[in-house]
Structures are given as structure tokens and as C-alpha cells.
Amino acid sequence: MEEREFIQAVSERTGLSRQESADLTRATLETLAHRLSGSKDRSLALELPEGLAEAVQRGATSAIEVFGYDETVRRVAERNVLKKEEADSGVRAVLVTLREAISEKEFGNLMSQLGTEFSKPVEEFVG
């Protein structure tokens, strides 16, 4: 999936503008990368278009941070000056779009590292 298509899918799922969706997508990917081990963030980045891969690489850290879904939403909302509900919808939209954009194996690896707390919002969004 091309970066433009990814951003468009997030925009359609959230109702946000393309620019807002692009900013939200990058912030979400950077935030999620804080939760991933070095090998996981590298393998995720390899399956994404260049601009989105760069967001993952910017968020990569040498030490994995441990925080939950609600903290992810809070961080994304703060970075994008969004209401909590908008950020929640946006994080869900990015995760659902990731599920479509990357291999099933890579998405499974991502979700196993993030944990079940992140799986439930995805299933509810698709539901």
C-alpha cells in the first residue's frame, strides 16, 4: 500500500482531513515504535512506504517503553492537539489500516508485542 493510500484510508475511517490524518498516522506510528523492540520496529518499517517507515524509525528507542493503549491515545492527542475521542478513533484507524497494509505475519508480530490491550480496540473498530 502506498503512503497516499494509507493516509486516505485513515482519513476515510476518521473523518479527519488528509493533512490531519497524515499527522495523526505519523504520531501514532512514532508512539507505537516506543513500545517495540529494535527488531520489531525494523521489520515493521521494512513493510511500510518510506514516509511511514521514517515515522517508525523516528519513534524507535534503545529501551522499550511500557505503556498501555490509553497512554498511546493520550500521547497522540497531545502531539496533534486532538480531543481524546478523535485520537482514539485515529489510533484505531491506523491499527486497522496497518492490518491491511502489512503482511499478516508482521501484523501478528506487532500485536503480540503491543499486547491484547491493543487488539480489542482494533476488533471493536472493525466489529
C-alpha atoms as a PDB file:
ATOM      1  CA  MET A   1       0.000   0.000   0.000  1.00  0.00           C
ATOM      2  CA  GLU A   2       1.316   3.414  -0.972  1.00  0.00           C
ATOM      3  CA  GLU A   3       1.628   6.139   1.676  1.00  0.00           C
ATOM      4  CA  ARG A   4      -1.072   8.199  -0.041  1.00  0.00           C
ATOM      5  CA  GLU A   5      -3.484   5.250   0.073  1.00  0.00           C
ATOM      6  CA  PHE A   6      -2.681   4.586   3.735  1.00  0.00           C
ATOM      7  CA  ILE A   7      -3.375   8.209   4.694  1.00  0.00           C
ATOM      8  CA  GLN A   8      -6.580   8.230   2.619  1.00  0.00           C
ATOM      9  CA  ALA A   9      -7.822   5.083   4.388  1.00  0.00           C
ATOM     10  CA  VAL A  10      -7.162   6.675   7.793  1.00  0.00           C
ATOM     11  CA  SER A  11      -8.911   9.853   6.648  1.00  0.00           C
ATOM     12  CA  GLU A  12     -11.986   7.915   5.489  1.00  0.00           C
ATOM     13  CA  ARG A  13     -12.128   5.960   8.756  1.00  0.00           C
ATOM     14  CA  THR A  14     -11.791   9.020  10.983  1.00  0.00           C
ATOM     15  CA  GLY A  15     -13.483  11.786   9.007  1.00  0.00           C
ATOM     16  CA  LEU A  16     -10.382  13.945   9.504  1.00  0.00           C
ATOM     17  CA  SER A  17      -8.735  15.859   6.658  1.00  0.00           C
ATOM     18  CA  ARG A  18      -5.886  14.243   4.735  1.00  0.00           C
ATOM     19  CA  GLN A  19      -3.350  16.504   6.482  1.00  0.00           C
ATOM     20  CA  GLU A  20      -4.776  15.765   9.924  1.00  0.00           C
ATOM     21  CA  SER A  21      -4.792  12.067   9.075  1.00  0.00           C
ATOM     22  CA  ALA A  22      -1.189  12.205   7.874  1.00  0.00           C
ATOM     23  CA  ASP A  23      -0.088  13.924  11.093  1.00  0.00           C
ATOM     24  CA  LEU A  24      -2.119  11.506  13.207  1.00  0.00           C
ATOM     25  CA  THR A  25      -0.721   8.480  11.359  1.00  0.00           C
ATOM     26  CA  ARG A  26       2.882   9.592  11.827  1.00  0.00           C
ATOM     27  CA  ALA A  27       2.316  10.400  15.504  1.00  0.00           C
ATOM     28  CA  THR A  28       0.670   7.016  16.066  1.00  0.00           C
ATOM     29  CA  LEU A  29       3.481   5.114  14.345  1.00  0.00           C
ATOM     30  CA  GLU A  30       6.147   7.040  16.276  1.00  0.00           C
ATOM     31  CA  THR A  31       4.330   6.411  19.551  1.00  0.00           C
ATOM     32  CA  LEU A  32       3.848   2.705  18.840  1.00  0.00           C
ATOM     33  CA  ALA A  33       7.541   2.390  17.954  1.00  0.00           C
ATOM     34  CA  HIS A  34       8.397   3.336  21.552  1.00  0.00           C
ATOM     35  CA  ARG A  35       6.741   0.044  22.555  1.00  0.00           C
ATOM     36  CA  LEU A  36       8.638  -2.148  20.076  1.00  0.00           C
ATOM     37  CA  SER A  37      11.952  -3.946  20.328  1.00  0.00           C
ATOM     38  CA  GLY A  38      14.593  -2.973  17.779  1.00  0.00           C
ATOM     39  CA  SER A  39      13.979  -5.989  15.572  1.00  0.00           C
ATOM     40  CA  LYS A  40      10.200  -5.430  15.578  1.00  0.00           C
ATOM     41  CA  ASP A  41      10.405  -1.750  14.651  1.00  0.00           C
ATOM     42  CA  ARG A  42      12.890  -2.534  11.858  1.00  0.00           C
ATOM     43  CA  SER A  43      10.713  -5.305  10.409  1.00  0.00           C
ATOM     44  CA  LEU A  44       7.612  -3.086  10.593  1.00  0.00           C
ATOM     45  CA  ALA A  45       9.455  -0.240   8.872  1.00  0.00           C
ATOM     46  CA  LEU A  46      10.513  -2.577   6.050  1.00  0.00           C
ATOM     47  CA  GLU A  47       6.870  -3.266   5.186  1.00  0.00           C
ATOM     48  CA  LEU A  48       5.761   0.373   5.129  1.00  0.00           C
ATOM     49  CA  PRO A  49       6.187   3.058   2.464  1.00  0.00           C
ATOM     50  CA  GLU A  50       9.216   5.290   3.017  1.00  0.00           C
ATOM     51  CA  GLY A  51       7.474   8.232   4.723  1.00  0.00           C
ATOM     52  CA  LEU A  52       5.664   5.990   7.192  1.00  0.00           C
ATOM     53  CA  ALA A  53       8.764   3.864   7.761  1.00  0.00           C
ATOM     54  CA  GLU A  54      10.586   7.065   8.719  1.00  0.00           C
ATOM     55  CA  ALA A  55       7.945   7.741  11.392  1.00  0.00           C
ATOM     56  CA  VAL A  56       8.572   4.295  12.884  1.00  0.00           C
ATOM     57  CA  GLN A  57      12.325   4.881  12.803  1.00  0.00           C
ATOM     58  CA  ARG A  58      11.951   8.305  14.488  1.00  0.00           C
ATOM     59  CA  GLY A  59       9.988   6.680  17.302  1.00  0.00           C
ATOM     60  CA  ALA A  60      12.398   3.788  17.783  1.00  0.00           C
ATOM     61  CA  THR A  61      14.240   3.839  21.096  1.00  0.00           C
ATOM     62  CA  SER A  62      17.037   1.741  22.553  1.00  0.00           C
ATOM     63  CA  ALA A  63      14.881   0.818  25.551  1.00  0.00           C
ATOM     64  CA  ILE A  64      11.295  -0.375  25.153  1.00  0.00           C
ATOM     65  CA  GLU A  65       8.791   1.836  26.944  1.00  0.00           C
ATOM     66  CA  VAL A  66       5.899   0.146  28.692  1.00  0.00           C
ATOM     67  CA  PHE A  67       2.580   1.966  28.456  1.00  0.00           C
ATOM     68  CA  GLY A  68      -0.936   0.968  27.533  1.00  0.00           C
ATOM     69  CA  TYR A  69      -3.477   1.815  24.908  1.00  0.00           C
ATOM     70  CA  ASP A  70      -4.926   4.774  26.856  1.00  0.00           C
ATOM     71  CA  GLU A  71      -1.468   6.326  27.212  1.00  0.00           C
ATOM     72  CA  THR A  72      -0.919   5.848  23.490  1.00  0.00           C
ATOM     73  CA  VAL A  73      -4.151   7.734  22.794  1.00  0.00           C
ATOM     74  CA  ARG A  74      -3.165  10.471  25.256  1.00  0.00           C
ATOM     75  CA  ARG A  75       0.249  10.937  23.619  1.00  0.00           C
ATOM     76  CA  VAL A  76      -1.205  11.036  20.105  1.00  0.00           C
ATOM     77  CA  ALA A  77      -3.905  13.515  21.200  1.00  0.00           C
ATOM     78  CA  GLU A  78      -1.309  15.740  22.828  1.00  0.00           C
ATOM     79  CA  ARG A  79       1.000  15.719  19.803  1.00  0.00           C
ATOM     80  CA  ASN A  80      -1.812  16.519  17.385  1.00  0.00           C
ATOM     81  CA  VAL A  81      -3.946  18.781  19.588  1.00  0.00           C
ATOM     82  CA  LEU A  82      -6.912  16.461  19.205  1.00  0.00           C
ATOM     83  CA  LYS A  83      -9.724  15.580  21.547  1.00  0.00           C
ATOM     84  CA  LYS A  84      -9.292  12.211  23.245  1.00  0.00           C
ATOM     85  CA  GLU A  85     -12.150  10.731  21.182  1.00  0.00           C
ATOM     86  CA  GLU A  86     -10.556  11.884  17.907  1.00  0.00           C
ATOM     87  CA  ALA A  87      -7.186  10.463  18.886  1.00  0.00           C
ATOM     88  CA  ASP A  88      -8.783   7.185  19.984  1.00  0.00           C
ATOM     89  CA  SER A  89     -10.573   6.854  16.652  1.00  0.00           C
ATOM     90  CA  GLY A  90      -7.353   7.781  14.874  1.00  0.00           C
ATOM     91  CA  VAL A  91      -5.178   5.233  16.668  1.00  0.00           C
ATOM     92  CA  ARG A  92      -7.771   2.554  15.921  1.00  0.00           C
ATOM     93  CA  ALA A  93      -7.918   3.626  12.259  1.00  0.00           C
ATOM     94  CA  VAL A  94      -4.129   3.472  11.944  1.00  0.00           C
ATOM     95  CA  LEU A  95      -4.035  -0.008  13.505  1.00  0.00           C
ATOM     96  CA  VAL A  96      -6.807  -1.276  11.215  1.00  0.00           C
ATOM     97  CA  THR A  97      -5.072   0.234   8.187  1.00  0.00           C
ATOM     98  CA  LEU A  98      -1.801  -1.361   9.276  1.00  0.00           C
ATOM     99  CA  ARG A  99      -3.584  -4.706   9.338  1.00  0.00           C
ATOM    100  CA  GLU A 100      -4.459  -4.181   5.663  1.00  0.00           C
ATOM    101  CA  ALA A 101      -1.121  -2.705   4.622  1.00  0.00           C
ATOM    102  CA  ILE A 102       1.397  -5.155   6.066  1.00  0.00           C
ATOM    103  CA  SER A 103       1.696  -8.914   6.000  1.00  0.00           C
ATOM    104  CA  GLU A 104      -0.439 -10.975   8.342  1.00  0.00           C
ATOM    105  CA  LYS A 105       2.728 -12.305   9.971  1.00  0.00           C
ATOM    106  CA  GLU A 106       4.111  -8.829  10.617  1.00  0.00           C
ATOM    107  CA  PHE A 107       0.779  -7.569  11.949  1.00  0.00           C
ATOM    108  CA  GLY A 108       0.633 -10.580  14.278  1.00  0.00           C
ATOM    109  CA  ASN A 109       4.163  -9.833  15.487  1.00  0.00           C
ATOM    110  CA  LEU A 110       3.238  -6.195  16.057  1.00  0.00           C
ATOM    111  CA  MET A 111       0.119  -7.029  18.028  1.00  0.00           C
ATOM    112  CA  SER A 112       1.914  -9.662  20.102  1.00  0.00           C
ATOM    113  CA  GLN A 113       4.443  -7.044  21.145  1.00  0.00           C
ATOM    114  CA  LEU A 114       1.766  -4.414  21.838  1.00  0.00           C
ATOM    115  CA  GLY A 115      -0.459  -6.823  23.757  1.00  0.00           C
ATOM    116  CA  THR A 116      -4.126  -7.683  23.983  1.00  0.00           C
ATOM    117  CA  GLU A 117      -4.996  -4.211  25.225  1.00  0.00           C
ATOM    118  CA  PHE A 118      -4.336  -3.035  21.647  1.00  0.00           C
ATOM    119  CA  SER A 119      -6.148  -5.921  19.926  1.00  0.00           C
ATOM    120  CA  LYS A 120      -9.528  -5.154  21.461  1.00  0.00           C
ATOM    121  CA  PRO A 121      -9.815  -1.593  20.051  1.00  0.00           C
ATOM    122  CA  VAL A 122      -8.961  -2.915  16.586  1.00  0.00           C
ATOM    123  CA  GLU A 123     -11.631  -5.604  16.759  1.00  0.00           C
ATOM    124  CA  GLU A 124     -14.186  -3.105  18.096  1.00  0.00           C
ATOM    125  CA  PHE A 125     -13.354  -0.671  15.278  1.00  0.00           C
ATOM    126  CA  VAL A 126     -13.812  -3.328  12.614  1.00  0.00           C
ATOM    127  CA  GLY A 127     -16.635  -5.044  14.511  1.00  0.00           C
END
